[in-house]
Amino acid sequence: MAIEVVELHHHGIRIGNTQKDAEKAREFYAGVLGLDTDPARPDIASIPGFWMYVGEGKNTTQIHLMGAKGKSPMARSKKEDPTLPHVALAVKDIQAARQELDKRGIWYWGIQGLVGQNSDQVFVRDPFDNIIELHQVGTCTCNKVALKPARKRTASAKRTAAKQRTTAKKRTTAKKSAASRK
């Protein structure tokens, strides 16, 4: 049975390995791209960096900026390095994910406690050598929206959304009219 992925959690990318490099990266991602910093990022010894929210509000998908060059201090080997560029997916059950990988004979490696007391990360490579991280949903600052039932919108919120759609439609129609008169 396939692993139950419940959300795209983050994309991990490398930045320079100094605090100055980390700040330069933060200035770009926050200042240029307008992303907010996740203040819950733990202090990871010897890996400066930031977690940046992508999207509106908190608990959204993130970009993890990880300060590392070459083999990081957290690496077990050249292939087993949590700072290598990767995509992270939150799974419903990390133990079931491990069992599925074992059943299929897919090599993986894991690390526990790196980003929090309950963190349990499994790293696997796809057939094209891309690194995919799997971790238990809810053990970090995941986009927990995937686990919550949809909230019912109030009548006021529905009216506001309808009004915004109507206004946007009017603007689009006006732009098309103006363009056709040119």
C-alpha atoms as a PDB file:
ATOM      1  CA  MET A   1       0.000   0.000   0.000  1.00  0.00           C
ATOM      2  CA  ALA A   2       1.318   3.471  -0.845  1.00  0.00           C
ATOM      3  CA  ILE A   3       2.614   5.859   1.815  1.00  0.00           C
ATOM      4  CA  GLU A   4      -0.068   8.319   2.910  1.00  0.00           C
ATOM      5  CA  VAL A   5       1.311  11.799   2.186  1.00  0.00           C
ATOM      6  CA  VAL A   6      -0.880  14.524   3.683  1.00  0.00           C
ATOM      7  CA  GLU A   7       0.970  17.682   2.671  1.00  0.00           C
ATOM      8  CA  LEU A   8       3.940  19.316   1.055  1.00  0.00           C
ATOM      9  CA  HIS A   9       5.824  20.653   4.050  1.00  0.00           C
ATOM     10  CA  HIS A  10       8.939  22.389   2.756  1.00  0.00           C
ATOM     11  CA  HIS A  11      11.595  22.652   0.136  1.00  0.00           C
ATOM     12  CA  GLY A  12      15.068  22.611   1.653  1.00  0.00           C
ATOM     13  CA  ILE A  13      17.763  24.645  -0.070  1.00  0.00           C
ATOM     14  CA  ARG A  14      21.345  25.430   0.791  1.00  0.00           C
ATOM     15  CA  ILE A  15      22.741  28.855   1.452  1.00  0.00           C
ATOM     16  CA  GLY A  16      26.216  29.900   2.569  1.00  0.00           C
ATOM     17  CA  ASN A  17      27.365  28.495   5.890  1.00  0.00           C
ATOM     18  CA  THR A  18      27.990  31.705   7.842  1.00  0.00           C
ATOM     19  CA  GLN A  19      25.567  33.780   9.874  1.00  0.00           C
ATOM     20  CA  LYS A  20      26.255  36.644   7.441  1.00  0.00           C
ATOM     21  CA  ASP A  21      25.181  34.391   4.536  1.00  0.00           C
ATOM     22  CA  ALA A  22      22.049  33.370   6.438  1.00  0.00           C
ATOM     23  CA  GLU A  23      21.124  37.004   7.026  1.00  0.00           C
ATOM     24  CA  LYS A  24      21.756  37.823   3.352  1.00  0.00           C
ATOM     25  CA  ALA A  25      19.416  34.955   2.381  1.00  0.00           C
ATOM     26  CA  ARG A  26      16.780  36.092   4.900  1.00  0.00           C
ATOM     27  CA  GLU A  27      16.930  39.638   3.499  1.00  0.00           C
ATOM     28  CA  PHE A  28      16.288  38.280  -0.009  1.00  0.00           C
ATOM     29  CA  TYR A  29      13.463  35.888   0.914  1.00  0.00           C
ATOM     30  CA  ALA A  30      11.790  38.332   3.316  1.00  0.00           C
ATOM     31  CA  GLY A  31      12.636  41.654   1.675  1.00  0.00           C
ATOM     32  CA  VAL A  32      12.439  40.771  -2.012  1.00  0.00           C
ATOM     33  CA  LEU A  33       9.940  37.885  -1.962  1.00  0.00           C
ATOM     34  CA  GLY A  34       7.936  39.113   1.039  1.00  0.00           C
ATOM     35  CA  LEU A  35       8.045  35.804   2.932  1.00  0.00           C
ATOM     36  CA  ASP A  36       7.658  35.696   6.712  1.00  0.00           C
ATOM     37  CA  THR A  37      10.186  33.993   8.970  1.00  0.00           C
ATOM     38  CA  ASP A  38       9.016  31.107  11.148  1.00  0.00           C
ATOM     39  CA  PRO A  39      10.154  32.050  14.659  1.00  0.00           C
ATOM     40  CA  ALA A  40       9.737  28.425  15.795  1.00  0.00           C
ATOM     41  CA  ARG A  41      12.843  27.236  13.916  1.00  0.00           C
ATOM     42  CA  PRO A  42      15.075  25.626  16.513  1.00  0.00           C
ATOM     43  CA  ASP A  43      18.695  26.610  16.864  1.00  0.00           C
ATOM     44  CA  ILE A  44      20.424  23.824  14.950  1.00  0.00           C
ATOM     45  CA  ALA A  45      24.059  23.687  15.996  1.00  0.00           C
ATOM     46  CA  SER A  46      26.462  24.575  13.190  1.00  0.00           C
ATOM     47  CA  ILE A  47      23.674  25.079  10.607  1.00  0.00           C
ATOM     48  CA  PRO A  48      22.619  28.726  10.425  1.00  0.00           C
ATOM     49  CA  GLY A  49      19.423  29.455   8.566  1.00  0.00           C
ATOM     50  CA  PHE A  50      15.775  30.336   8.551  1.00  0.00           C
ATOM     51  CA  TRP A  51      12.433  28.722   7.814  1.00  0.00           C
ATOM     52  CA  MET A  52      10.301  30.949   5.593  1.00  0.00           C
ATOM     53  CA  TYR A  53       6.521  30.681   5.233  1.00  0.00           C
ATOM     54  CA  VAL A  54       5.179  30.611   1.666  1.00  0.00           C
ATOM     55  CA  GLY A  55       1.575  31.750   1.312  1.00  0.00           C
ATOM     56  CA  GLU A  56      -0.846  33.638   3.467  1.00  0.00           C
ATOM     57  CA  GLY A  57      -0.779  33.213   7.207  1.00  0.00           C
ATOM     58  CA  LYS A  58       1.173  30.821   9.366  1.00  0.00           C
ATOM     59  CA  ASN A  59       1.362  27.035   9.110  1.00  0.00           C
ATOM     60  CA  THR A  60       1.814  27.121   5.355  1.00  0.00           C
ATOM     61  CA  THR A  61       4.353  25.382   3.178  1.00  0.00           C
ATOM     62  CA  GLN A  62       7.874  26.597   3.847  1.00  0.00           C
ATOM     63  CA  ILE A  63      11.281  27.080   2.303  1.00  0.00           C
ATOM     64  CA  HIS A  64      14.044  25.946   4.659  1.00  0.00           C
ATOM     65  CA  LEU A  65      17.238  27.944   4.163  1.00  0.00           C
ATOM     66  CA  MET A  66      20.091  25.781   5.451  1.00  0.00           C
ATOM     67  CA  GLY A  67      23.616  27.089   5.915  1.00  0.00           C
ATOM     68  CA  ALA A  68      25.962  24.420   4.640  1.00  0.00           C
ATOM     69  CA  LYS A  69      28.749  23.872   2.135  1.00  0.00           C
ATOM     70  CA  GLY A  70      30.163  20.487   1.234  1.00  0.00           C
ATOM     71  CA  LYS A  71      29.463  17.826   3.835  1.00  0.00           C
ATOM     72  CA  SER A  72      27.625  19.471   6.716  1.00  0.00           C
ATOM     73  CA  PRO A  73      28.485  18.809  10.377  1.00  0.00           C
ATOM     74  CA  MET A  74      25.140  16.958  10.681  1.00  0.00           C
ATOM     75  CA  ALA A  75      25.978  14.533   7.841  1.00  0.00           C
ATOM     76  CA  ARG A  76      26.667  10.862   8.465  1.00  0.00           C
ATOM     77  CA  SER A  77      28.177  10.521   4.995  1.00  0.00           C
ATOM     78  CA  LYS A  78      28.214  12.323   1.674  1.00  0.00           C
ATOM     79  CA  LYS A  79      24.799  10.790   0.823  1.00  0.00           C
ATOM     80  CA  GLU A  80      23.296  11.065   4.324  1.00  0.00           C
ATOM     81  CA  ASP A  81      23.171  14.815   4.883  1.00  0.00           C
ATOM     82  CA  PRO A  82      19.934  16.540   5.963  1.00  0.00           C
ATOM     83  CA  THR A  83      21.144  19.829   4.489  1.00  0.00           C
ATOM     84  CA  LEU A  84      21.256  18.543   0.910  1.00  0.00           C
ATOM     85  CA  PRO A  85      18.518  20.114  -1.246  1.00  0.00           C
ATOM     86  CA  HIS A  86      15.274  18.187  -0.803  1.00  0.00           C
ATOM     87  CA  VAL A  87      11.498  18.281  -0.812  1.00  0.00           C
ATOM     88  CA  ALA A  88       9.803  17.377   2.476  1.00  0.00           C
ATOM     89  CA  LEU A  89       6.448  15.658   2.678  1.00  0.00           C
ATOM     90  CA  ALA A  90       4.475  15.152   5.867  1.00  0.00           C
ATOM     91  CA  VAL A  91       3.011  11.666   6.157  1.00  0.00           C
ATOM     92  CA  LYS A  92       0.113  10.353   8.180  1.00  0.00           C
ATOM     93  CA  ASP A  93       2.215   7.630   9.844  1.00  0.00           C
ATOM     94  CA  ILE A  94       6.024   7.687   9.692  1.00  0.00           C
ATOM     95  CA  GLN A  95       6.316   4.097  10.985  1.00  0.00           C
ATOM     96  CA  ALA A  96       3.998   2.858   8.233  1.00  0.00           C
ATOM     97  CA  ALA A  97       6.116   4.819   5.730  1.00  0.00           C
ATOM     98  CA  ARG A  98       9.257   3.042   6.948  1.00  0.00           C
ATOM     99  CA  GLN A  99       7.522  -0.318   6.691  1.00  0.00           C
ATOM    100  CA  GLU A 100       6.432   0.430   3.118  1.00  0.00           C
ATOM    101  CA  LEU A 101       9.968   1.440   2.114  1.00  0.00           C
ATOM    102  CA  ASP A 102      11.337  -1.728   3.739  1.00  0.00           C
ATOM    103  CA  LYS A 103       8.719  -3.884   1.987  1.00  0.00           C
ATOM    104  CA  ARG A 104       9.698  -2.398  -1.373  1.00  0.00           C
ATOM    105  CA  GLY A 105      13.438  -2.705  -0.685  1.00  0.00           C
ATOM    106  CA  ILE A 106      14.005   1.048  -1.006  1.00  0.00           C
ATOM    107  CA  TRP A 107      17.102   2.347   0.772  1.00  0.00           C
ATOM    108  CA  TYR A 108      16.570   5.239   3.166  1.00  0.00           C
ATOM    109  CA  TRP A 109      18.168   6.763   6.201  1.00  0.00           C
ATOM    110  CA  GLY A 110      16.682   8.556   9.172  1.00  0.00           C
ATOM    111  CA  ILE A 111      17.462  11.120  11.809  1.00  0.00           C
ATOM    112  CA  GLN A 112      15.601  11.728  15.050  1.00  0.00           C
ATOM    113  CA  GLY A 113      15.482  14.818  17.244  1.00  0.00           C
ATOM    114  CA  LEU A 114      17.246  17.200  14.824  1.00  0.00           C
ATOM    115  CA  VAL A 115      14.529  19.856  14.702  1.00  0.00           C
ATOM    116  CA  GLY A 116      12.661  18.999  17.882  1.00  0.00           C
ATOM    117  CA  GLN A 117      12.231  16.390  20.558  1.00  0.00           C
ATOM    118  CA  ASN A 118       9.586  14.479  18.576  1.00  0.00           C
ATOM    119  CA  SER A 119      11.027  14.947  15.101  1.00  0.00           C
ATOM    120  CA  ASP A 120      11.562  11.767  13.112  1.00  0.00           C
ATOM    121  CA  GLN A 121      12.796  12.334   9.562  1.00  0.00           C
ATOM    122  CA  VAL A 122      13.274   9.708   6.864  1.00  0.00           C
ATOM    123  CA  PHE A 123      15.232  10.584   3.732  1.00  0.00           C
ATOM    124  CA  VAL A 124      14.845   8.612   0.508  1.00  0.00           C
ATOM    125  CA  ARG A 125      16.043   9.160  -3.052  1.00  0.00           C
ATOM    126  CA  ASP A 126      13.674   8.881  -5.985  1.00  0.00           C
ATOM    127  CA  PRO A 127      14.759   6.992  -9.143  1.00  0.00           C
ATOM    128  CA  PHE A 128      16.353  10.218 -10.443  1.00  0.00           C
ATOM    129  CA  ASP A 129      18.433  10.837  -7.293  1.00  0.00           C
ATOM    130  CA  ASN A 130      16.228  13.641  -5.915  1.00  0.00           C
ATOM    131  CA  ILE A 131      16.027  13.604  -2.112  1.00  0.00           C
ATOM    132  CA  ILE A 132      12.600  13.334  -0.507  1.00  0.00           C
ATOM    133  CA  GLU A 133      12.197  13.806   3.235  1.00  0.00           C
ATOM    134  CA  LEU A 134       9.258  12.138   4.962  1.00  0.00           C
ATOM    135  CA  HIS A 135       8.208  13.067   8.469  1.00  0.00           C
ATOM    136  CA  GLN A 136       5.263  12.595  10.803  1.00  0.00           C
ATOM    137  CA  VAL A 137       2.681  15.333  10.307  1.00  0.00           C
ATOM    138  CA  GLY A 138       2.110  17.424  13.416  1.00  0.00           C
ATOM    139  CA  THR A 139       5.591  17.016  14.913  1.00  0.00           C
ATOM    140  CA  CYS A 140       6.830  20.389  13.704  1.00  0.00           C
ATOM    141  CA  THR A 141       5.386  23.615  12.319  1.00  0.00           C
ATOM    142  CA  CYS A 142       3.583  21.730   9.550  1.00  0.00           C
ATOM    143  CA  ASN A 143       0.722  23.088   7.517  1.00  0.00           C
ATOM    144  CA  LYS A 144      -1.843  21.487   9.792  1.00  0.00           C
ATOM    145  CA  VAL A 145      -4.671  22.630   7.522  1.00  0.00           C
ATOM    146  CA  ALA A 146      -4.440  19.183   5.896  1.00  0.00           C
ATOM    147  CA  LEU A 147      -5.643  17.582   9.135  1.00  0.00           C
ATOM    148  CA  LYS A 148      -8.377  20.052  10.104  1.00  0.00           C
ATOM    149  CA  PRO A 149     -11.929  19.853   8.777  1.00  0.00           C
ATOM    150  CA  ALA A 150     -12.871  22.809   6.607  1.00  0.00           C
ATOM    151  CA  ARG A 151     -14.293  25.670   8.620  1.00  0.00           C
ATOM    152  CA  LYS A 152     -17.750  26.832   7.792  1.00  0.00           C
ATOM    153  CA  ARG A 153     -17.731  30.390   6.550  1.00  0.00           C
ATOM    154  CA  THR A 154     -20.073  32.861   8.133  1.00  0.00           C
ATOM    155  CA  ALA A 155     -22.703  34.612   6.026  1.00  0.00           C
ATOM    156  CA  SER A 156     -20.635  37.801   6.303  1.00  0.00           C
ATOM    157  CA  ALA A 157     -17.508  36.055   5.004  1.00  0.00           C
ATOM    158  CA  LYS A 158     -19.491  34.577   2.105  1.00  0.00           C
ATOM    159  CA  ARG A 159     -20.848  38.039   1.182  1.00  0.00           C
ATOM    160  CA  THR A 160     -17.340  39.531   1.323  1.00  0.00           C
ATOM    161  CA  ALA A 161     -15.938  36.767  -0.918  1.00  0.00           C
ATOM    162  CA  ALA A 162     -18.809  37.212  -3.404  1.00  0.00           C
ATOM    163  CA  LYS A 163     -18.251  40.980  -3.436  1.00  0.00           C
ATOM    164  CA  GLN A 164     -14.512  40.480  -4.094  1.00  0.00           C
ATOM    165  CA  ARG A 165     -15.250  38.112  -6.996  1.00  0.00           C
ATOM    166  CA  THR A 166     -17.742  40.604  -8.501  1.00  0.00           C
ATOM    167  CA  THR A 167     -15.259  43.487  -8.177  1.00  0.00           C
ATOM    168  CA  ALA A 168     -12.484  41.410  -9.771  1.00  0.00           C
ATOM    169  CA  LYS A 169     -14.826  40.390 -12.608  1.00  0.00           C
ATOM    170  CA  LYS A 170     -15.782  44.057 -13.231  1.00  0.00           C
ATOM    171  CA  ARG A 171     -12.108  45.057 -13.373  1.00  0.00           C
ATOM    172  CA  THR A 172     -11.331  42.279 -15.866  1.00  0.00           C
ATOM    173  CA  THR A 173     -14.315  43.261 -18.046  1.00  0.00           C
ATOM    174  CA  ALA A 174     -13.297  46.945 -17.925  1.00  0.00           C
ATOM    175  CA  LYS A 175      -9.715  46.098 -18.927  1.00  0.00           C
ATOM    176  CA  LYS A 176     -10.927  43.962 -21.854  1.00  0.00           C
ATOM    177  CA  SER A 177     -13.247  46.765 -23.011  1.00  0.00           C
ATOM    178  CA  ALA A 178     -10.465  49.322 -22.822  1.00  0.00           C
ATOM    179  CA  ALA A 179      -8.102  47.022 -24.717  1.00  0.00           C
ATOM    180  CA  SER A 180     -10.618  46.363 -27.476  1.00  0.00           C
ATOM    181  CA  ARG A 181     -11.159  50.138 -28.001  1.00  0.00           C
ATOM    182  CA  LYS A 182      -7.454  50.682 -28.653  1.00  0.00           C
END
